[in-house]
N, C-alpha and C. Protein backbone atom coordinates (compact mmCIF):
# COMPACT_ATOMS: atom_id res chain seq x y z
N MET A 1 177.41 49.63 42.29
CA MET A 1 176.37 49.80 41.34
C MET A 1 175.01 50.05 42.51
N LYS A 2 174.59 50.80 42.02
CA LYS A 2 173.27 51.39 42.65
C LYS A 2 172.31 50.40 42.45
N PRO A 3 171.30 50.53 43.24
CA PRO A 3 170.09 49.50 43.46
C PRO A 3 169.40 49.69 42.10
N GLU A 4 169.03 51.29 41.76
CA GLU A 4 168.24 51.24 40.42
C GLU A 4 168.95 50.77 39.40
N ASN A 5 170.29 50.84 39.04
CA ASN A 5 170.74 50.07 38.18
C ASN A 5 170.84 48.46 38.25
N VAL A 6 170.87 47.90 39.42
CA VAL A 6 170.31 46.53 39.22
C VAL A 6 168.86 46.20 38.85
N VAL A 7 168.10 46.87 39.20
CA VAL A 7 166.60 46.81 38.62
C VAL A 7 166.35 46.93 37.25
N ASP A 8 167.32 47.96 36.61
CA ASP A 8 167.53 48.25 35.25
C ASP A 8 168.01 47.08 34.57
N VAL A 9 169.08 46.26 35.02
CA VAL A 9 169.83 45.35 34.31
C VAL A 9 168.78 43.96 34.43
N LEU A 10 168.05 43.78 35.41
CA LEU A 10 166.97 42.77 35.71
C LEU A 10 166.03 42.96 34.56
N GLU A 11 165.67 44.00 34.58
CA GLU A 11 164.48 43.93 33.67
C GLU A 11 164.73 44.04 32.29
N ASN A 12 165.97 44.78 31.49
CA ASN A 12 166.49 44.63 30.57
C ASN A 12 167.00 43.37 30.36
N ARG A 13 167.70 42.36 30.91
CA ARG A 13 168.09 40.99 30.43
C ARG A 13 167.67 40.57 29.28
N GLY A 14 168.07 40.01 28.74
CA GLY A 14 167.45 39.20 27.47
C GLY A 14 167.11 39.94 26.22
N ARG A 15 167.10 41.03 26.29
CA ARG A 15 166.63 42.12 25.35
C ARG A 15 168.31 42.16 24.64
N GLY A 16 167.93 42.53 23.19
CA GLY A 16 169.01 42.87 22.38
C GLY A 16 169.21 41.84 21.64
N LYS A 17 169.96 40.96 21.83
CA LYS A 17 169.98 39.53 20.86
C LYS A 17 169.04 38.63 20.51
N SER A 18 168.19 38.31 21.50
CA SER A 18 167.09 37.69 21.41
C SER A 18 166.29 37.98 22.63
N GLU A 19 164.66 37.67 22.61
CA GLU A 19 163.89 37.84 23.45
C GLU A 19 163.63 36.61 24.39
N LYS A 20 164.15 35.62 24.10
CA LYS A 20 164.31 34.35 24.75
C LYS A 20 165.28 34.37 25.93
N ASP A 21 164.87 33.84 27.20
CA ASP A 21 166.03 33.95 28.11
C ASP A 21 166.98 32.65 28.03
N TRP A 22 167.70 32.67 28.97
CA TRP A 22 168.63 31.55 28.82
C TRP A 22 168.41 30.52 28.98
N PHE A 23 167.49 30.05 29.48
CA PHE A 23 166.83 28.53 29.89
C PHE A 23 166.21 28.20 28.67
N GLN A 24 165.45 29.01 27.94
CA GLN A 24 164.77 28.71 26.47
C GLN A 24 166.08 28.43 25.56
N GLY A 25 166.69 29.28 25.47
CA GLY A 25 168.06 29.28 24.73
C GLY A 25 168.94 27.87 24.45
N ILE A 26 168.78 27.34 25.84
CA ILE A 26 169.40 26.23 26.08
C ILE A 26 168.73 25.00 25.77
N PHE A 27 167.42 25.30 26.25
CA PHE A 27 166.58 23.95 26.04
C PHE A 27 165.49 24.06 25.16
N SER A 28 165.66 24.88 24.20
CA SER A 28 164.60 25.10 23.37
C SER A 28 163.97 23.92 22.56
N ASP A 29 164.75 22.94 21.99
CA ASP A 29 164.34 21.80 21.67
C ASP A 29 165.62 20.70 21.84
N ILE A 30 165.70 20.02 22.71
CA ILE A 30 166.74 19.07 23.23
C ILE A 30 166.69 17.85 22.37
N THR A 31 165.83 17.51 21.84
CA THR A 31 165.81 16.40 21.08
C THR A 31 166.35 16.51 19.75
N LYS A 32 166.51 17.76 19.24
CA LYS A 32 167.35 17.95 17.86
C LYS A 32 168.72 18.35 18.27
N ALA A 33 168.99 18.19 19.75
CA ALA A 33 170.46 18.59 19.89
C ALA A 33 171.41 17.07 19.79
N SER A 34 172.86 17.58 19.97
CA SER A 34 173.80 16.45 19.80
C SER A 34 173.40 15.26 20.60
N ALA A 35 173.96 14.06 20.67
CA ALA A 35 173.95 12.97 21.61
C ALA A 35 174.34 13.31 22.72
N ALA A 36 175.47 14.27 22.81
CA ALA A 36 176.30 14.72 24.05
C ALA A 36 175.40 15.34 25.08
N LYS A 37 174.82 16.50 24.50
CA LYS A 37 173.82 17.35 25.00
C LYS A 37 172.71 16.60 25.76
N GLN A 38 172.09 15.74 24.80
CA GLN A 38 170.93 14.87 25.27
C GLN A 38 171.16 14.28 26.64
N THR A 39 172.15 13.22 26.27
CA THR A 39 172.75 12.60 27.44
C THR A 39 172.98 13.35 28.90
N ILE A 40 174.10 14.59 28.63
CA ILE A 40 173.94 15.37 29.99
C ILE A 40 172.66 16.01 30.22
N VAL A 41 172.06 16.42 29.50
CA VAL A 41 170.55 16.97 30.05
C VAL A 41 169.59 15.94 30.48
N GLY A 42 169.68 14.70 29.85
CA GLY A 42 169.07 13.51 30.34
C GLY A 42 169.17 13.20 31.84
N GLY A 43 170.69 13.05 31.97
CA GLY A 43 171.34 12.61 33.28
C GLY A 43 171.05 13.46 34.45
N ILE A 44 171.38 15.00 33.99
CA ILE A 44 171.03 15.79 35.05
C ILE A 44 169.52 15.86 35.55
N THR A 45 168.45 15.90 34.72
CA THR A 45 166.96 15.73 35.04
C THR A 45 166.90 14.79 35.71
N GLY A 46 167.34 13.43 35.04
CA GLY A 46 167.01 11.92 35.97
C GLY A 46 167.73 12.16 37.40
N TRP A 47 168.57 12.73 37.57
CA TRP A 47 169.31 12.45 38.84
C TRP A 47 168.35 13.61 39.67
N GLY A 48 167.92 14.78 39.29
CA GLY A 48 167.01 15.57 40.12
C GLY A 48 165.59 14.74 40.21
N THR A 49 165.16 14.23 39.30
CA THR A 49 163.70 13.82 39.50
C THR A 49 164.11 12.43 40.49
N GLY A 50 165.17 11.30 40.50
CA GLY A 50 165.43 10.62 41.33
C GLY A 50 165.59 11.18 42.96
N PHE A 51 166.23 12.14 42.96
CA PHE A 51 166.33 12.31 44.36
C PHE A 51 165.33 13.22 45.13
N VAL A 52 164.77 13.76 44.03
CA VAL A 52 163.01 14.31 44.73
C VAL A 52 162.24 13.19 44.98
N PHE A 53 162.18 12.29 44.05
CA PHE A 53 161.69 11.15 44.01
C PHE A 53 161.52 10.30 45.24
N THR A 54 162.91 9.99 45.72
CA THR A 54 163.26 9.48 46.84
C THR A 54 163.04 10.26 48.32
N LYS A 55 163.07 11.44 48.27
CA LYS A 55 162.70 12.52 49.61
C LYS A 55 161.03 12.36 49.60
N VAL A 56 160.65 12.57 48.34
CA VAL A 56 159.03 12.58 48.45
C VAL A 56 158.25 11.23 49.04
N GLY A 57 159.13 10.22 48.37
CA GLY A 57 158.82 8.71 48.86
C GLY A 57 158.82 8.65 50.25
N LYS A 58 159.73 8.83 50.65
CA LYS A 58 160.42 8.63 51.89
C LYS A 58 159.30 9.43 53.09
N ALA A 59 158.92 10.61 52.69
CA ALA A 59 158.10 11.36 53.57
C ALA A 59 156.46 11.00 53.39
N ALA A 60 156.22 10.40 52.27
CA ALA A 60 154.84 9.84 51.99
C ALA A 60 154.71 8.46 52.65
N ALA A 61 155.67 7.75 52.59
CA ALA A 61 155.82 6.41 53.55
C ALA A 61 155.85 6.89 54.91
N THR A 62 156.28 7.74 55.57
CA THR A 62 156.37 7.99 56.97
C THR A 62 154.84 8.53 57.44
N ALA A 63 154.18 9.50 56.29
CA ALA A 63 152.97 10.02 56.79
C ALA A 63 152.03 8.83 56.52
N VAL A 64 152.05 7.92 55.58
CA VAL A 64 150.98 7.00 55.69
C VAL A 64 151.25 5.76 56.79
N GLY A 65 152.36 5.31 57.08
CA GLY A 65 152.86 4.64 58.09
C GLY A 65 152.46 5.09 59.63
N GLY A 66 152.73 6.19 59.69
CA GLY A 66 152.44 6.86 60.91
C GLY A 66 150.80 6.92 61.13
N SER A 67 150.13 7.63 59.93
CA SER A 67 148.67 7.47 60.12
C SER A 67 148.05 6.07 60.41
N LEU A 68 148.55 4.98 59.43
CA LEU A 68 148.02 3.67 60.01
C LEU A 68 148.43 3.35 61.48
N LEU A 69 149.47 3.71 62.01
CA LEU A 69 149.75 3.22 63.07
C LEU A 69 148.95 4.17 64.22
N LEU A 70 148.52 5.27 64.33
CA LEU A 70 147.48 6.04 64.86
C LEU A 70 146.16 5.86 64.93
N ILE A 71 145.92 5.49 63.60
CA ILE A 71 144.50 4.57 63.75
C ILE A 71 144.34 3.37 64.26
N GLN A 72 145.33 2.61 64.14
CA GLN A 72 145.22 1.27 64.78
C GLN A 72 145.15 1.42 66.07
N ILE A 73 145.82 2.14 66.83
CA ILE A 73 146.35 2.29 68.22
C ILE A 73 144.83 3.15 68.77
N ALA A 74 144.30 3.85 68.06
CA ALA A 74 143.08 4.57 68.20
C ALA A 74 141.67 3.49 68.29
N GLN A 75 141.84 2.64 67.39
CA GLN A 75 140.74 1.97 67.10
C GLN A 75 141.01 0.81 68.44
N HIS A 76 142.06 0.46 68.74
CA HIS A 76 142.29 -0.55 70.05
C HIS A 76 142.13 0.08 71.18
N GLN A 77 142.15 1.30 71.34
CA GLN A 77 141.98 1.92 72.65
C GLN A 77 140.51 2.23 72.73
N GLY A 78 139.82 2.01 71.61
CA GLY A 78 138.15 2.53 71.70
C GLY A 78 137.62 3.84 71.18
N TYR A 79 139.05 4.58 70.80
CA TYR A 79 138.41 6.03 70.68
C TYR A 79 137.60 6.17 69.05
N ILE A 80 138.13 5.32 68.24
CA ILE A 80 137.17 5.19 67.04
C ILE A 80 136.96 3.71 66.77
N ARG A 81 135.50 3.45 65.81
CA ARG A 81 135.24 2.26 65.48
C ARG A 81 135.40 2.02 63.92
N ILE A 82 136.04 0.94 63.41
CA ILE A 82 135.90 0.89 62.18
C ILE A 82 135.37 -0.24 61.80
N ASN A 83 134.38 -0.32 60.59
CA ASN A 83 133.34 -1.03 59.85
C ASN A 83 134.57 -1.90 59.02
N TRP A 84 134.87 -2.84 59.48
CA TRP A 84 136.05 -3.70 58.50
C TRP A 84 135.11 -4.18 57.64
N ASN A 85 134.14 -4.62 57.59
CA ASN A 85 133.21 -5.25 56.08
C ASN A 85 133.13 -4.29 55.13
N GLN A 86 132.67 -2.98 55.75
CA GLN A 86 132.26 -1.88 54.64
C GLN A 86 133.95 -1.36 54.06
N LEU A 87 134.83 -1.33 54.67
CA LEU A 87 135.65 -0.75 54.41
C LEU A 87 136.54 -1.92 53.22
N ASN A 88 136.41 -3.17 53.53
CA ASN A 88 137.04 -4.23 52.52
C ASN A 88 136.10 -4.14 51.51
N LYS A 89 134.95 -3.93 51.65
CA LYS A 89 133.86 -3.72 50.13
C LYS A 89 134.47 -2.69 49.57
N ASP A 90 134.40 -1.55 50.18
CA ASP A 90 134.74 -0.18 49.45
C ASP A 90 136.30 -0.37 48.96
N VAL A 91 136.95 -0.98 49.34
CA VAL A 91 138.65 -1.31 48.81
C VAL A 91 138.52 -2.21 47.39
N GLU A 92 137.61 -3.17 47.53
CA GLU A 92 137.56 -4.05 46.30
C GLU A 92 136.82 -3.42 45.40
N THR A 93 135.61 -2.26 45.52
CA THR A 93 135.02 -1.77 44.76
C THR A 93 136.23 -1.02 43.87
N THR A 94 137.06 -0.26 44.84
CA THR A 94 138.09 0.80 44.20
C THR A 94 139.12 0.12 43.32
N THR A 95 139.41 -1.09 43.64
CA THR A 95 140.37 -1.64 43.22
C THR A 95 140.16 -2.06 41.48
N GLU A 96 138.72 -2.88 41.58
CA GLU A 96 138.17 -2.85 40.34
C GLU A 96 138.30 -1.70 39.46
N TYR A 97 137.65 -0.67 39.99
CA TYR A 97 137.64 0.47 39.07
C TYR A 97 138.90 0.88 38.55
N VAL A 98 139.84 0.89 39.44
CA VAL A 98 141.48 1.07 39.16
C VAL A 98 141.66 0.46 37.99
N GLU A 99 141.86 -0.83 38.28
CA GLU A 99 142.10 -1.73 37.28
C GLU A 99 141.64 -1.50 35.83
N LYS A 100 140.20 -1.25 35.89
CA LYS A 100 139.92 -1.18 34.53
C LYS A 100 140.25 0.14 34.15
N GLN A 101 140.43 1.10 34.67
CA GLN A 101 141.16 2.23 34.00
C GLN A 101 142.49 2.29 33.67
N VAL A 102 143.16 1.50 34.39
CA VAL A 102 144.50 1.27 34.16
C VAL A 102 144.61 0.32 32.68
N ASP A 103 143.73 -0.36 32.79
CA ASP A 103 143.73 -1.39 31.49
C ASP A 103 143.45 -0.80 30.12
N LYS A 104 142.63 0.28 30.26
CA LYS A 104 142.20 1.32 29.50
C LYS A 104 143.22 2.09 28.68
N GLY A 105 143.95 2.91 29.64
CA GLY A 105 145.32 3.71 29.10
C GLY A 105 146.41 3.43 29.12
N PHE A 106 146.95 2.51 29.94
CA PHE A 106 148.16 1.65 30.19
C PHE A 106 148.99 1.31 28.93
N PRO A 107 148.21 0.61 27.88
CA PRO A 107 148.78 0.19 26.73
C PRO A 107 149.00 1.39 25.88
N ARG A 108 148.05 2.51 25.57
CA ARG A 108 148.37 3.60 24.92
C ARG A 108 149.72 4.28 25.48
N LEU A 109 149.94 4.26 26.82
CA LEU A 109 150.82 5.04 27.48
C LEU A 109 152.11 4.37 27.28
N LEU A 110 152.10 3.14 27.43
CA LEU A 110 153.20 2.42 26.95
C LEU A 110 153.85 2.37 25.56
N LYS A 111 152.89 2.42 24.77
CA LYS A 111 153.26 2.68 23.26
C LYS A 111 153.86 3.85 23.05
N GLN A 112 153.15 5.07 23.71
CA GLN A 112 154.00 6.33 23.54
C GLN A 112 155.25 6.34 24.15
N GLY A 113 155.74 5.69 25.42
CA GLY A 113 156.59 5.77 25.91
C GLY A 113 157.72 5.07 24.84
N LYS A 114 157.36 3.93 24.63
CA LYS A 114 158.23 3.12 23.62
C LYS A 114 158.66 3.98 22.38
N LYS A 115 157.88 4.63 21.85
CA LYS A 115 158.05 5.58 20.77
C LYS A 115 159.13 6.68 20.87
N PHE A 116 158.90 7.27 22.28
CA PHE A 116 159.40 8.78 22.98
C PHE A 116 161.11 7.94 22.92
N VAL A 117 161.35 6.45 23.59
CA VAL A 117 162.51 6.23 23.99
C VAL A 117 163.26 6.03 22.55
N LYS A 118 162.79 5.39 21.59
CA LYS A 118 163.07 4.91 20.39
C LYS A 118 163.62 6.20 19.67
N GLU A 119 163.09 7.51 19.81
CA GLU A 119 163.18 8.65 18.93
C GLU A 119 164.36 9.48 19.71
N ASN A 120 164.38 9.08 20.94
CA ASN A 120 165.37 9.81 21.71
C ASN A 120 165.93 9.01 22.65
N LEU A 121 166.91 8.24 22.12
CA LEU A 121 167.67 7.25 22.91
C LEU A 121 168.47 7.73 23.81
N PHE A 122 169.39 8.74 23.45
CA PHE A 122 170.52 9.19 24.38
C PHE A 122 169.72 9.89 25.52
N LEU A 123 168.61 10.97 25.34
CA LEU A 123 168.10 11.63 26.27
C LEU A 123 167.23 10.56 27.05
N ALA A 124 166.59 9.44 26.73
CA ALA A 124 166.26 8.40 27.71
C ALA A 124 167.17 7.70 28.52
N THR A 125 168.40 7.40 27.77
CA THR A 125 169.10 6.42 28.57
C THR A 125 170.13 7.38 29.60
N GLY A 126 169.99 8.62 29.25
CA GLY A 126 170.72 9.42 30.25
C GLY A 126 169.79 9.78 31.56
N PHE A 127 168.55 9.95 31.14
CA PHE A 127 167.45 10.22 32.34
C PHE A 127 167.26 8.95 33.20
N ALA A 128 167.55 7.79 32.46
CA ALA A 128 167.32 6.54 33.30
C ALA A 128 168.78 6.49 34.27
N GLY A 129 169.71 6.75 33.80
CA GLY A 129 171.07 6.62 34.34
C GLY A 129 171.22 7.67 35.55
N GLY A 130 170.95 8.84 35.32
CA GLY A 130 170.72 9.94 36.25
C GLY A 130 169.66 9.64 37.35
N PHE A 131 168.64 9.11 36.96
CA PHE A 131 167.69 8.78 37.91
C PHE A 131 167.90 7.66 38.96
N LEU A 132 168.48 6.71 38.53
CA LEU A 132 169.29 5.55 39.27
C LEU A 132 170.07 6.24 40.28
N LEU A 133 170.97 7.34 39.83
CA LEU A 133 172.06 7.73 40.54
C LEU A 133 171.43 8.95 41.46
N GLY A 134 170.33 9.49 41.15
CA GLY A 134 169.42 10.38 42.08
C GLY A 134 169.10 9.61 43.06
N ILE A 135 168.43 8.37 42.79
CA ILE A 135 167.78 7.42 44.06
C ILE A 135 169.13 7.26 44.92
N ALA A 136 170.27 6.75 44.43
CA ALA A 136 171.16 6.27 45.49
C ALA A 136 171.93 7.38 46.13
N SER A 137 171.78 8.69 45.43
CA SER A 137 172.46 9.65 46.10
C SER A 137 171.77 10.40 47.32
N SER A 138 170.77 9.60 47.63
CA SER A 138 169.67 10.58 48.54
C SER A 138 169.72 9.80 50.02
């Protein structure tokens, strides 16, 4: 097959039967699909999410832990001076602000989550199982 033909095939894919590509055709509206398809899609997406979540979590923990270690060493050696009183005050202020924001939005988010799980039980349980497998497999 000549390179020009490959480009023509790639440019013309999906034309003919439908303008949707294969991904949109498979996942157009999974909530109306069969229980088996919902469970499979939920499991696959849950596994991927769990796997990525674990990898990103490990990288973030390494970065934060390493940064804290380096800051503590630099402070101990006298390279930097930390105003601990100001830092503690700022942390308390930020904590209060975050708690207020969470108190405002969390009940609504929890209600929406419960509604989604009730309406899409197979998809949600497949996702949960896949998520746990993804965490365990990384």
